[in-house]
Amino acid sequence: MIVGGLAVYAYTRKNGIHFLHLADSVAPGLMLGYGVGRIGCQISGDGDWGIPNSNPLPDWLSWLPDWMWSYSFPNNVNGVFGERLAGYTGKLIGPSDPWPIFEGYGTYLDPGVYPTAFYETLMATGIFCVLWSVRKRFKTPGTLFALYCMFNGAERFFIEKIRVNAVMDFAGLEFTQAELISTITFLGGGTLLWFLRTRK
């Protein structure tokens, strides 16, 4: 992500394009692209899922399909088998289970976990709609991109609270790499927005 951003910046410098104009123009699409990408994570079961969710579906959400609340990721591409520190166990799909068995995969998670990739698709799509709806309201270049950074950082930070990730320890603080990056992204967007608002 960092190298990609630097490459885009170098391209704008070389071709005489105002970087913040370009950043504004791509901000909504970046958010939508992120949400579409998470569809692949959800369908493939690439390990980008949440912590175990053995809680029953609340009555007020009874209209939702069960997999939107807790999902076992049958035939996940990681072929997870055995106990995991996160609290779930990968088990072999048996003949009495409701899923087909795909050769080379054939496992599922027990208990089911939060389908965080699906939640991110919903949130990213919502943020895209917000950014798209306000894209013409700002006259100062960079404002839309600053909002994108803040929305993206906040969304990613909070989803990490129910996602499985390795925890780092620094000076007595425990956090995940994604929480660190999302915090920097949010603060970077906030700083840019403050800077732009102070300019005449």
N, C-alpha and C. Protein backbone atom coordinates (compact mmCIF):
# COMPACT_ATOMS: atom_id res chain seq x y z
N MET A 1 0.83 -1.19 0.00
CA MET A 1 0.00 0.00 0.00
C MET A 1 0.87 1.26 0.00
N ILE A 2 1.92 1.25 0.84
CA ILE A 2 2.79 2.42 0.94
C ILE A 2 3.54 2.64 -0.37
N VAL A 3 4.12 1.57 -0.91
CA VAL A 3 4.88 1.68 -2.16
C VAL A 3 3.95 2.07 -3.31
N GLY A 4 2.76 1.51 -3.31
CA GLY A 4 1.79 1.88 -4.34
C GLY A 4 1.44 3.36 -4.29
N GLY A 5 1.22 3.87 -3.07
CA GLY A 5 0.92 5.29 -2.92
C GLY A 5 2.07 6.17 -3.39
N LEU A 6 3.31 5.76 -3.05
CA LEU A 6 4.47 6.52 -3.48
C LEU A 6 4.63 6.48 -5.01
N ALA A 7 4.30 5.33 -5.60
CA ALA A 7 4.40 5.21 -7.06
C ALA A 7 3.40 6.15 -7.75
N VAL A 8 2.18 6.22 -7.20
CA VAL A 8 1.18 7.13 -7.77
C VAL A 8 1.64 8.58 -7.62
N TYR A 9 2.21 8.90 -6.45
CA TYR A 9 2.70 10.26 -6.23
C TYR A 9 3.81 10.60 -7.23
N ALA A 10 4.73 9.67 -7.45
CA ALA A 10 5.82 9.90 -8.41
C ALA A 10 5.25 10.08 -9.82
N TYR A 11 4.22 9.33 -10.16
CA TYR A 11 3.59 9.45 -11.47
C TYR A 11 2.97 10.85 -11.65
N THR A 12 2.29 11.33 -10.60
CA THR A 12 1.68 12.65 -10.70
C THR A 12 2.73 13.75 -10.86
N ARG A 13 3.84 13.60 -10.14
CA ARG A 13 4.92 14.59 -10.24
C ARG A 13 5.52 14.60 -11.65
N LYS A 14 5.70 13.41 -12.19
CA LYS A 14 6.31 13.30 -13.51
C LYS A 14 5.42 13.87 -14.60
N ASN A 15 4.11 13.71 -14.43
CA ASN A 15 3.18 14.12 -15.49
C ASN A 15 2.45 15.42 -15.20
N GLY A 16 2.86 16.13 -14.16
CA GLY A 16 2.28 17.43 -13.87
C GLY A 16 0.83 17.38 -13.42
N ILE A 17 0.45 16.31 -12.72
CA ILE A 17 -0.91 16.18 -12.21
C ILE A 17 -0.91 16.58 -10.74
N HIS A 18 -1.90 17.34 -10.32
CA HIS A 18 -2.02 17.72 -8.92
C HIS A 18 -2.42 16.49 -8.12
N PHE A 19 -1.58 16.09 -7.17
CA PHE A 19 -1.79 14.83 -6.45
C PHE A 19 -3.13 14.81 -5.72
N LEU A 20 -3.49 15.89 -5.03
CA LEU A 20 -4.73 15.89 -4.25
C LEU A 20 -5.97 15.84 -5.14
N HIS A 21 -5.89 16.44 -6.35
CA HIS A 21 -7.01 16.30 -7.29
C HIS A 21 -7.19 14.83 -7.67
N LEU A 22 -6.08 14.18 -7.97
CA LEU A 22 -6.15 12.75 -8.33
C LEU A 22 -6.65 11.92 -7.16
N ALA A 23 -6.16 12.22 -5.96
CA ALA A 23 -6.58 11.47 -4.77
C ALA A 23 -8.08 11.60 -4.55
N ASP A 24 -8.61 12.81 -4.72
CA ASP A 24 -10.05 13.00 -4.58
C ASP A 24 -10.83 12.19 -5.61
N SER A 25 -10.30 12.17 -6.84
CA SER A 25 -11.04 11.50 -7.92
C SER A 25 -11.12 9.98 -7.73
N VAL A 26 -10.13 9.41 -7.05
CA VAL A 26 -10.13 7.95 -6.89
C VAL A 26 -10.65 7.49 -5.54
N ALA A 27 -10.85 8.40 -4.59
CA ALA A 27 -11.23 8.01 -3.23
C ALA A 27 -12.50 7.15 -3.17
N PRO A 28 -13.62 7.56 -3.81
CA PRO A 28 -14.80 6.70 -3.73
C PRO A 28 -14.55 5.32 -4.35
N GLY A 29 -13.85 5.29 -5.49
CA GLY A 29 -13.57 4.02 -6.16
C GLY A 29 -12.68 3.11 -5.33
N LEU A 30 -11.72 3.69 -4.60
CA LEU A 30 -10.87 2.89 -3.71
C LEU A 30 -11.72 2.20 -2.65
N MET A 31 -12.68 2.93 -2.11
CA MET A 31 -13.53 2.35 -1.06
C MET A 31 -14.41 1.24 -1.62
N LEU A 32 -14.99 1.49 -2.79
CA LEU A 32 -15.83 0.47 -3.40
C LEU A 32 -15.00 -0.75 -3.79
N GLY A 33 -13.81 -0.52 -4.33
CA GLY A 33 -12.93 -1.63 -4.70
C GLY A 33 -12.56 -2.49 -3.50
N TYR A 34 -12.34 -1.84 -2.37
CA TYR A 34 -12.04 -2.58 -1.14
C TYR A 34 -13.20 -3.49 -0.76
N GLY A 35 -14.41 -2.95 -0.85
CA GLY A 35 -15.59 -3.75 -0.52
C GLY A 35 -15.78 -4.92 -1.47
N VAL A 36 -15.57 -4.69 -2.76
CA VAL A 36 -15.69 -5.78 -3.74
C VAL A 36 -14.62 -6.84 -3.48
N GLY A 37 -13.42 -6.40 -3.13
CA GLY A 37 -12.35 -7.35 -2.83
C GLY A 37 -12.69 -8.26 -1.67
N ARG A 38 -13.41 -7.72 -0.69
CA ARG A 38 -13.78 -8.53 0.48
C ARG A 38 -14.80 -9.62 0.12
N ILE A 39 -15.50 -9.44 -0.98
CA ILE A 39 -16.41 -10.51 -1.42
C ILE A 39 -15.60 -11.77 -1.70
N GLY A 40 -14.44 -11.60 -2.34
CA GLY A 40 -13.56 -12.75 -2.60
C GLY A 40 -13.10 -13.41 -1.32
N CYS A 41 -12.78 -12.60 -0.30
CA CYS A 41 -12.36 -13.16 0.99
C CYS A 41 -13.48 -13.99 1.60
N GLN A 42 -14.71 -13.50 1.51
CA GLN A 42 -15.84 -14.20 2.09
C GLN A 42 -16.12 -15.51 1.35
N ILE A 43 -16.12 -15.46 0.04
CA ILE A 43 -16.48 -16.65 -0.74
C ILE A 43 -15.41 -17.73 -0.65
N SER A 44 -14.15 -17.33 -0.67
CA SER A 44 -13.07 -18.32 -0.66
C SER A 44 -12.77 -18.85 0.73
N GLY A 45 -13.11 -18.06 1.75
CA GLY A 45 -12.73 -18.47 3.10
C GLY A 45 -11.23 -18.47 3.25
N ASP A 46 -10.62 -17.31 2.99
CA ASP A 46 -9.15 -17.24 2.96
C ASP A 46 -8.53 -16.99 4.33
N GLY A 47 -9.32 -17.12 5.39
CA GLY A 47 -8.79 -16.92 6.73
C GLY A 47 -9.01 -15.53 7.26
N ASP A 48 -9.60 -14.67 6.45
CA ASP A 48 -9.85 -13.29 6.85
C ASP A 48 -11.21 -13.20 7.55
N TRP A 49 -11.41 -14.11 8.50
CA TRP A 49 -12.69 -14.16 9.19
C TRP A 49 -12.54 -13.68 10.63
N GLY A 50 -13.65 -13.73 11.36
CA GLY A 50 -13.65 -13.20 12.71
C GLY A 50 -13.43 -14.25 13.78
N ILE A 51 -13.61 -13.81 15.00
CA ILE A 51 -13.48 -14.70 16.15
C ILE A 51 -14.72 -15.58 16.24
N PRO A 52 -14.66 -16.67 17.01
CA PRO A 52 -15.83 -17.55 17.12
C PRO A 52 -17.07 -16.80 17.59
N ASN A 53 -18.19 -17.16 17.01
CA ASN A 53 -19.47 -16.57 17.38
C ASN A 53 -20.48 -17.69 17.59
N SER A 54 -20.50 -18.19 18.82
CA SER A 54 -21.44 -19.27 19.13
C SER A 54 -22.74 -18.73 19.71
N ASN A 55 -22.88 -17.40 19.74
CA ASN A 55 -24.11 -16.79 20.26
C ASN A 55 -25.26 -17.03 19.29
N PRO A 56 -26.46 -17.25 19.82
CA PRO A 56 -27.61 -17.42 18.92
C PRO A 56 -27.95 -16.12 18.21
N LEU A 57 -28.53 -16.24 17.05
CA LEU A 57 -28.97 -15.07 16.29
C LEU A 57 -30.03 -14.32 17.09
N PRO A 58 -29.83 -13.03 17.37
CA PRO A 58 -30.83 -12.27 18.15
C PRO A 58 -32.18 -12.25 17.44
N ASP A 59 -33.24 -12.18 18.24
CA ASP A 59 -34.59 -12.18 17.68
C ASP A 59 -34.81 -11.03 16.71
N TRP A 60 -34.22 -9.87 17.01
CA TRP A 60 -34.45 -8.71 16.15
C TRP A 60 -33.73 -8.84 14.80
N LEU A 61 -32.84 -9.85 14.70
CA LEU A 61 -32.17 -10.13 13.43
C LEU A 61 -32.62 -11.46 12.83
N SER A 62 -33.75 -11.97 13.30
CA SER A 62 -34.20 -13.30 12.87
C SER A 62 -34.49 -13.38 11.38
N TRP A 63 -34.66 -12.25 10.73
CA TRP A 63 -34.94 -12.23 9.29
C TRP A 63 -33.68 -12.45 8.46
N LEU A 64 -32.50 -12.37 9.09
CA LEU A 64 -31.24 -12.58 8.37
C LEU A 64 -30.95 -14.06 8.17
N PRO A 65 -30.28 -14.42 7.09
CA PRO A 65 -29.77 -15.79 6.96
C PRO A 65 -28.74 -16.05 8.07
N ASP A 66 -28.67 -17.27 8.57
CA ASP A 66 -27.76 -17.61 9.67
C ASP A 66 -26.31 -17.28 9.34
N TRP A 67 -25.89 -17.45 8.07
CA TRP A 67 -24.49 -17.26 7.72
C TRP A 67 -24.03 -15.81 7.85
N MET A 68 -24.99 -14.88 7.90
CA MET A 68 -24.62 -13.49 8.08
C MET A 68 -24.27 -13.17 9.54
N TRP A 69 -24.63 -14.07 10.42
CA TRP A 69 -24.36 -13.88 11.85
C TRP A 69 -23.17 -14.73 12.30
N SER A 70 -23.17 -15.98 11.87
CA SER A 70 -22.09 -16.90 12.21
C SER A 70 -21.94 -17.89 11.06
N TYR A 71 -20.70 -18.07 10.57
CA TYR A 71 -20.48 -18.88 9.39
C TYR A 71 -19.35 -19.87 9.63
N SER A 72 -19.51 -21.06 9.12
CA SER A 72 -18.52 -22.13 9.35
C SER A 72 -17.47 -22.22 8.24
N PHE A 73 -17.60 -21.44 7.20
CA PHE A 73 -16.67 -21.43 6.06
C PHE A 73 -16.33 -22.85 5.58
N PRO A 74 -17.35 -23.60 5.15
CA PRO A 74 -17.08 -24.95 4.63
C PRO A 74 -16.23 -24.88 3.36
N ASN A 75 -15.31 -25.82 3.23
CA ASN A 75 -14.41 -25.90 2.08
C ASN A 75 -13.54 -24.64 1.93
N ASN A 76 -13.15 -24.04 3.06
CA ASN A 76 -12.31 -22.84 2.98
C ASN A 76 -10.99 -23.19 2.32
N VAL A 77 -10.43 -22.22 1.60
CA VAL A 77 -9.24 -22.48 0.79
C VAL A 77 -8.00 -22.78 1.64
N ASN A 78 -8.04 -22.42 2.92
CA ASN A 78 -6.91 -22.74 3.80
C ASN A 78 -6.95 -24.18 4.28
N GLY A 79 -8.08 -24.84 4.09
CA GLY A 79 -8.20 -26.22 4.56
C GLY A 79 -7.90 -26.34 6.05
N VAL A 80 -8.41 -25.40 6.84
CA VAL A 80 -8.11 -25.37 8.28
C VAL A 80 -8.58 -26.67 8.94
N PHE A 81 -7.65 -27.32 9.62
CA PHE A 81 -7.97 -28.56 10.31
C PHE A 81 -7.27 -28.57 11.67
N GLY A 82 -8.01 -28.93 12.70
CA GLY A 82 -7.46 -28.99 14.05
C GLY A 82 -7.78 -27.72 14.85
N GLU A 83 -7.39 -27.75 16.11
CA GLU A 83 -7.67 -26.63 17.00
C GLU A 83 -6.81 -25.41 16.66
N ARG A 84 -7.39 -24.25 16.85
CA ARG A 84 -6.69 -22.99 16.63
C ARG A 84 -6.76 -22.14 17.90
N LEU A 85 -5.73 -21.34 18.10
CA LEU A 85 -5.66 -20.49 19.30
C LEU A 85 -6.82 -19.52 19.38
N ALA A 86 -7.39 -19.17 18.23
CA ALA A 86 -8.49 -18.21 18.21
C ALA A 86 -9.76 -18.76 18.85
N GLY A 87 -9.82 -20.09 19.05
CA GLY A 87 -10.97 -20.66 19.74
C GLY A 87 -11.89 -21.52 18.90
N TYR A 88 -11.57 -21.70 17.64
CA TYR A 88 -12.38 -22.59 16.80
C TYR A 88 -11.52 -23.79 16.39
N THR A 89 -12.18 -24.80 15.87
CA THR A 89 -11.51 -26.02 15.43
C THR A 89 -11.91 -26.31 13.99
N GLY A 90 -10.94 -26.64 13.16
CA GLY A 90 -11.23 -27.06 11.80
C GLY A 90 -11.56 -28.54 11.80
N LYS A 91 -12.72 -28.89 11.28
CA LYS A 91 -13.17 -30.28 11.26
C LYS A 91 -13.43 -30.73 9.83
N LEU A 92 -13.33 -32.05 9.62
CA LEU A 92 -13.63 -32.60 8.31
C LEU A 92 -15.13 -32.63 8.08
N ILE A 93 -15.53 -32.26 6.87
CA ILE A 93 -16.95 -32.34 6.52
C ILE A 93 -17.32 -33.81 6.37
N GLY A 94 -18.36 -34.19 7.08
CA GLY A 94 -18.81 -35.58 7.04
C GLY A 94 -20.05 -35.75 6.17
N PRO A 95 -20.45 -36.98 5.93
CA PRO A 95 -21.63 -37.23 5.08
C PRO A 95 -22.92 -36.68 5.66
N SER A 96 -22.97 -36.49 6.98
CA SER A 96 -24.19 -35.98 7.59
C SER A 96 -24.24 -34.45 7.63
N ASP A 97 -23.13 -33.81 7.25
CA ASP A 97 -23.10 -32.35 7.24
C ASP A 97 -23.82 -31.80 6.01
N PRO A 98 -24.32 -30.55 6.09
CA PRO A 98 -25.14 -30.01 4.99
C PRO A 98 -24.36 -29.49 3.79
N TRP A 99 -23.03 -29.68 3.76
CA TRP A 99 -22.23 -29.11 2.67
C TRP A 99 -21.63 -30.22 1.82
N PRO A 100 -21.39 -29.92 0.54
CA PRO A 100 -20.65 -30.87 -0.30
C PRO A 100 -19.18 -30.87 0.12
N ILE A 101 -18.46 -31.87 -0.31
CA ILE A 101 -17.03 -31.94 0.00
C ILE A 101 -16.25 -31.69 -1.28
N PHE A 102 -15.45 -30.63 -1.29
CA PHE A 102 -14.61 -30.33 -2.44
C PHE A 102 -13.25 -30.96 -2.21
N GLU A 103 -12.81 -31.72 -3.19
CA GLU A 103 -11.55 -32.45 -3.06
C GLU A 103 -10.39 -31.49 -2.78
N GLY A 104 -9.61 -31.82 -1.77
CA GLY A 104 -8.47 -31.00 -1.39
C GLY A 104 -8.80 -29.97 -0.32
N TYR A 105 -10.07 -29.82 0.00
CA TYR A 105 -10.49 -28.84 1.02
C TYR A 105 -11.28 -29.60 2.08
N GLY A 106 -12.59 -29.57 2.01
CA GLY A 106 -13.43 -30.44 2.82
C GLY A 106 -13.38 -30.23 4.32
N THR A 107 -13.10 -29.03 4.79
CA THR A 107 -13.15 -28.76 6.23
C THR A 107 -14.09 -27.60 6.51
N TYR A 108 -14.47 -27.47 7.78
CA TYR A 108 -15.30 -26.35 8.21
C TYR A 108 -14.87 -25.95 9.62
N LEU A 109 -15.31 -24.77 10.04
CA LEU A 109 -14.95 -24.25 11.36
C LEU A 109 -16.05 -24.54 12.37
N ASP A 110 -15.65 -24.95 13.55
CA ASP A 110 -16.58 -25.22 14.63
C ASP A 110 -16.03 -24.63 15.93
N PRO A 111 -16.73 -23.70 16.58
CA PRO A 111 -17.99 -23.10 16.17
C PRO A 111 -17.79 -22.14 15.00
N GLY A 112 -18.91 -21.69 14.44
CA GLY A 112 -18.83 -20.72 13.37
C GLY A 112 -18.24 -19.41 13.86
N VAL A 113 -17.81 -18.59 12.93
CA VAL A 113 -17.14 -17.32 13.27
C VAL A 113 -17.90 -16.15 12.64
N TYR A 114 -17.57 -14.95 13.10
CA TYR A 114 -18.15 -13.76 12.48
C TYR A 114 -17.65 -13.64 11.04
N PRO A 115 -18.56 -13.48 10.09
CA PRO A 115 -18.13 -13.30 8.68
C PRO A 115 -17.70 -11.85 8.43
N THR A 116 -16.54 -11.49 8.96
CA THR A 116 -16.11 -10.09 8.94
C THR A 116 -15.90 -9.55 7.53
N ALA A 117 -15.51 -10.39 6.61
CA ALA A 117 -15.34 -9.91 5.23
C ALA A 117 -16.68 -9.43 4.66
N PHE A 118 -17.75 -10.13 4.98
CA PHE A 118 -19.09 -9.71 4.54
C PHE A 118 -19.46 -8.38 5.17
N TYR A 119 -19.16 -8.23 6.47
CA TYR A 119 -19.47 -6.97 7.14
C TYR A 119 -18.69 -5.82 6.50
N GLU A 120 -17.45 -6.09 6.12
CA GLU A 120 -16.64 -5.03 5.50
C GLU A 120 -17.18 -4.67 4.13
N THR A 121 -17.70 -5.64 3.40
CA THR A 121 -18.31 -5.32 2.11
C THR A 121 -19.48 -4.36 2.30
N LEU A 122 -20.30 -4.63 3.30
CA LEU A 122 -21.43 -3.74 3.57
C LEU A 122 -20.97 -2.35 3.98
N MET A 123 -20.00 -2.29 4.90
CA MET A 123 -19.53 -0.99 5.37
C MET A 123 -18.83 -0.21 4.27
N ALA A 124 -17.99 -0.89 3.49
CA ALA A 124 -17.27 -0.20 2.43
C ALA A 124 -18.24 0.34 1.38
N THR A 125 -19.28 -0.43 1.08
CA THR A 125 -20.27 0.03 0.11
C THR A 125 -21.02 1.25 0.65
N GLY A 126 -21.34 1.21 1.94
CA GLY A 126 -22.00 2.37 2.56
C GLY A 126 -21.12 3.61 2.53
N ILE A 127 -19.84 3.43 2.85
CA ILE A 127 -18.90 4.57 2.82
C ILE A 127 -18.75 5.10 1.41
N PHE A 128 -18.69 4.19 0.43
CA PHE A 128 -18.64 4.62 -0.97
C PHE A 128 -19.83 5.51 -1.30
N CYS A 129 -21.03 5.09 -0.87
CA CYS A 129 -22.24 5.88 -1.16
C CYS A 129 -22.15 7.27 -0.54
N VAL A 130 -21.61 7.34 0.69
CA VAL A 130 -21.46 8.64 1.34
C VAL A 130 -20.47 9.51 0.57
N LEU A 131 -19.30 8.94 0.24
CA LEU A 131 -18.29 9.71 -0.48
C LEU A 131 -18.80 10.16 -1.84
N TRP A 132 -19.51 9.27 -2.52
CA TRP A 132 -20.04 9.61 -3.84
C TRP A 132 -21.06 10.73 -3.75
N SER A 133 -21.88 10.71 -2.69
CA SER A 133 -22.94 11.70 -2.57
C SER A 133 -22.41 13.10 -2.22
N VAL A 134 -21.22 13.16 -1.60
CA VAL A 134 -20.69 14.47 -1.19
C VAL A 134 -19.53 14.93 -2.08
N ARG A 135 -19.23 14.19 -3.13
CA ARG A 135 -18.02 14.44 -3.90
C ARG A 135 -17.97 15.83 -4.54
N LYS A 136 -19.13 16.45 -4.80
CA LYS A 136 -19.15 17.75 -5.47
C LYS A 136 -19.31 18.92 -4.50
N ARG A 137 -19.36 18.62 -3.21
CA ARG A 137 -19.62 19.68 -2.24
C ARG A 137 -18.36 20.42 -1.81
N PHE A 138 -17.21 19.81 -2.03
CA PHE A 138 -15.98 20.40 -1.52
C PHE A 138 -15.20 21.07 -2.65
N LYS A 139 -14.71 22.26 -2.37
CA LYS A 139 -13.96 23.00 -3.36
C LYS A 139 -12.45 22.90 -3.12
N THR A 140 -12.05 22.53 -1.92
CA THR A 140 -10.62 22.44 -1.61
C THR A 140 -10.11 21.05 -1.97
N PRO A 141 -9.13 20.95 -2.87
CA PRO A 141 -8.60 19.63 -3.25
C PRO A 141 -8.03 18.89 -2.04
N GLY A 142 -8.34 17.61 -1.96
CA GLY A 142 -7.83 16.78 -0.88
C GLY A 142 -8.85 16.49 0.20
N THR A 143 -9.92 17.26 0.23
CA THR A 143 -10.92 17.09 1.30
C THR A 143 -11.59 15.72 1.21
N LEU A 144 -11.99 15.33 0.01
CA LEU A 144 -12.66 14.04 -0.15
C LEU A 144 -11.71 12.89 0.19
N PHE A 145 -10.45 13.02 -0.18
CA PHE A 145 -9.48 11.98 0.14
C PHE A 145 -9.24 11.90 1.65
N ALA A 146 -9.23 13.05 2.32
CA ALA A 146 -9.07 13.06 3.77
C ALA A 146 -10.23 12.33 4.44
N LEU A 147 -11.44 12.57 3.96
CA LEU A 147 -12.61 11.87 4.50
C LEU A 147 -12.52 10.36 4.24
N TYR A 148 -12.06 10.01 3.05
CA TYR A 148 -11.86 8.59 2.73
C TYR A 148 -10.91 7.94 3.73
N CYS A 149 -9.80 8.59 4.00
CA CYS A 149 -8.83 8.03 4.95
C CYS A 149 -9.45 7.85 6.33
N MET A 150 -10.23 8.83 6.77
CA MET A 150 -10.83 8.75 8.10
C MET A 150 -11.89 7.65 8.17
N PHE A 151 -12.75 7.59 7.17
CA PHE A 151 -13.76 6.54 7.13
C PHE A 151 -13.12 5.15 7.05
N ASN A 152 -12.14 5.02 6.16
CA ASN A 152 -11.47 3.74 5.97
C ASN A 152 -10.76 3.31 7.25
N GLY A 153 -10.06 4.24 7.89
CA GLY A 153 -9.36 3.92 9.12
C GLY A 153 -10.30 3.50 10.23
N ALA A 154 -11.40 4.23 10.40
CA ALA A 154 -12.36 3.91 11.45
C ALA A 154 -13.01 2.55 11.20
N GLU A 155 -13.41 2.31 9.95
CA GLU A 155 -14.04 1.02 9.62
C GLU A 155 -13.11 -0.14 9.91
N ARG A 156 -11.87 -0.01 9.47
CA ARG A 156 -10.92 -1.11 9.66
C ARG A 156 -10.56 -1.30 11.14
N PHE A 157 -10.46 -0.22 11.88
CA PHE A 157 -10.12 -0.32 13.30
C PHE A 157 -11.19 -1.10 14.06
N PHE A 158 -12.45 -0.77 13.83
CA PHE A 158 -13.51 -1.40 14.61
C PHE A 158 -13.77 -2.85 14.18
N ILE A 159 -13.59 -3.17 12.90
CA ILE A 159 -13.80 -4.56 12.49
C ILE A 159 -12.74 -5.46 13.09
N GLU A 160 -11.56 -4.91 13.39
CA GLU A 160 -10.49 -5.71 13.97
C GLU A 160 -10.84 -6.21 15.36
N LYS A 161 -11.82 -5.60 16.01
CA LYS A 161 -12.22 -6.02 17.35
C LYS A 161 -12.86 -7.40 17.35
N ILE A 162 -13.36 -7.83 16.18
CA ILE A 162 -13.96 -9.17 16.12
C ILE A 162 -13.28 -10.03 15.06
N ARG A 163 -12.08 -9.66 14.65
CA ARG A 163 -11.35 -10.43 13.64
C ARG A 163 -10.15 -11.12 14.28
N VAL A 164 -9.81 -12.29 13.74
CA VAL A 164 -8.64 -13.04 14.20
C VAL A 164 -7.39 -12.42 13.60
N ASN A 165 -6.46 -12.00 14.45
CA ASN A 165 -5.21 -11.42 14.00
C ASN A 165 -4.14 -11.60 15.05
N ALA A 166 -2.90 -11.63 14.63
CA ALA A 166 -1.78 -11.72 15.58
C ALA A 166 -1.66 -10.40 16.33
N VAL A 167 -1.46 -10.51 17.64
CA VAL A 167 -1.36 -9.32 18.49
C VAL A 167 0.10 -8.99 18.73
N MET A 168 0.45 -7.70 18.60
CA MET A 168 1.80 -7.24 18.88
C MET A 168 1.80 -6.55 20.25
N ASP A 169 2.96 -6.52 20.87
CA ASP A 169 3.11 -5.86 22.17
C ASP A 169 4.21 -4.82 22.04
N PHE A 170 3.85 -3.56 22.34
CA PHE A 170 4.83 -2.48 22.28
C PHE A 170 4.62 -1.56 23.48
N ALA A 171 5.63 -1.48 24.34
CA ALA A 171 5.60 -0.61 25.52
C ALA A 171 4.37 -0.87 26.38
N GLY A 172 4.00 -2.15 26.49
CA GLY A 172 2.85 -2.51 27.31
C GLY A 172 1.51 -2.40 26.62
N LEU A 173 1.49 -1.92 25.39
CA LEU A 173 0.25 -1.81 24.63
C LEU A 173 0.12 -3.00 23.69
N GLU A 174 -1.06 -3.59 23.65
CA GLU A 174 -1.31 -4.71 22.75
C GLU A 174 -2.24 -4.26 21.63
N PHE A 175 -1.84 -4.54 20.41
CA PHE A 175 -2.63 -4.15 19.25
C PHE A 175 -2.22 -5.02 18.08
N THR A 176 -3.06 -5.04 17.06
CA THR A 176 -2.74 -5.79 15.86
C THR A 176 -2.13 -4.83 14.83
N GLN A 177 -1.48 -5.41 13.85
CA GLN A 177 -0.89 -4.59 12.78
C GLN A 177 -1.97 -3.77 12.07
N ALA A 178 -3.12 -4.41 11.83
CA ALA A 178 -4.21 -3.71 11.14
C ALA A 178 -4.74 -2.55 11.98
N GLU A 179 -4.79 -2.72 13.31
CA GLU A 179 -5.23 -1.62 14.16
C GLU A 179 -4.25 -0.45 14.10
N LEU A 180 -2.96 -0.76 14.06
CA LEU A 180 -1.95 0.29 13.96
C LEU A 180 -2.08 1.05 12.64
N ILE A 181 -2.19 0.30 11.54
CA ILE A 181 -2.30 0.94 10.22
C ILE A 181 -3.59 1.75 10.12
N SER A 182 -4.69 1.21 10.63
CA SER A 182 -5.96 1.93 10.54
C SER A 182 -5.93 3.20 11.39
N THR A 183 -5.25 3.15 12.52
CA THR A 183 -5.14 4.35 13.36
C THR A 183 -4.32 5.42 12.65
N ILE A 184 -3.21 5.00 12.04
CA ILE A 184 -2.38 5.95 11.29
C ILE A 184 -3.16 6.53 10.12
N THR A 185 -3.93 5.69 9.44
CA THR A 185 -4.74 6.15 8.31
C THR A 185 -5.77 7.18 8.76
N PHE A 186 -6.45 6.88 9.87
CA PHE A 186 -7.46 7.81 10.38
C PHE A 186 -6.83 9.14 10.79
N LEU A 187 -5.74 9.06 11.56
CA LEU A 187 -5.07 10.29 12.01
C LEU A 187 -4.48 11.07 10.84
N GLY A 188 -3.96 10.35 9.84
CA GLY A 188 -3.44 11.01 8.65
C GLY A 188 -4.54 11.78 7.92
N GLY A 189 -5.71 11.14 7.78
CA GLY A 189 -6.84 11.82 7.14
C GLY A 189 -7.30 13.01 7.95
N GLY A 190 -7.34 12.87 9.28
CA GLY A 190 -7.75 13.97 10.14
C GLY A 190 -6.77 15.14 10.06
N THR A 191 -5.48 14.81 10.03
CA THR A 191 -4.45 15.86 9.93
C THR A 191 -4.56 16.60 8.60
N LEU A 192 -4.76 15.83 7.53
CA LEU A 192 -4.91 16.46 6.21
C LEU A 192 -6.14 17.36 6.17
N LEU A 193 -7.24 16.88 6.75
CA LEU A 193 -8.47 17.68 6.76
C LEU A 193 -8.26 18.97 7.56
N TRP A 194 -7.59 18.88 8.69
CA TRP A 194 -7.30 20.06 9.50
C TRP A 194 -6.43 21.05 8.71
N PHE A 195 -5.42 20.52 8.07
CA PHE A 195 -4.51 21.37 7.28
C PHE A 195 -5.27 22.08 6.17
N LEU A 196 -6.13 21.34 5.47
CA LEU A 196 -6.86 21.94 4.36
C LEU A 196 -7.85 23.00 4.84
N ARG A 197 -8.44 22.78 5.98
CA ARG A 197 -9.43 23.73 6.52
C ARG A 197 -8.77 25.01 7.02
N THR A 198 -7.48 24.94 7.35
CA THR A 198 -6.79 26.14 7.84
C THR A 198 -6.23 26.97 6.70
N ARG A 199 -6.23 26.40 5.49
CA ARG A 199 -5.72 27.14 4.34
C ARG A 199 -6.80 28.10 3.85
N LYS A 200 -6.38 29.26 3.33
CA LYS A 200 -7.35 30.19 2.78
C LYS A 200 -7.70 29.76 1.35
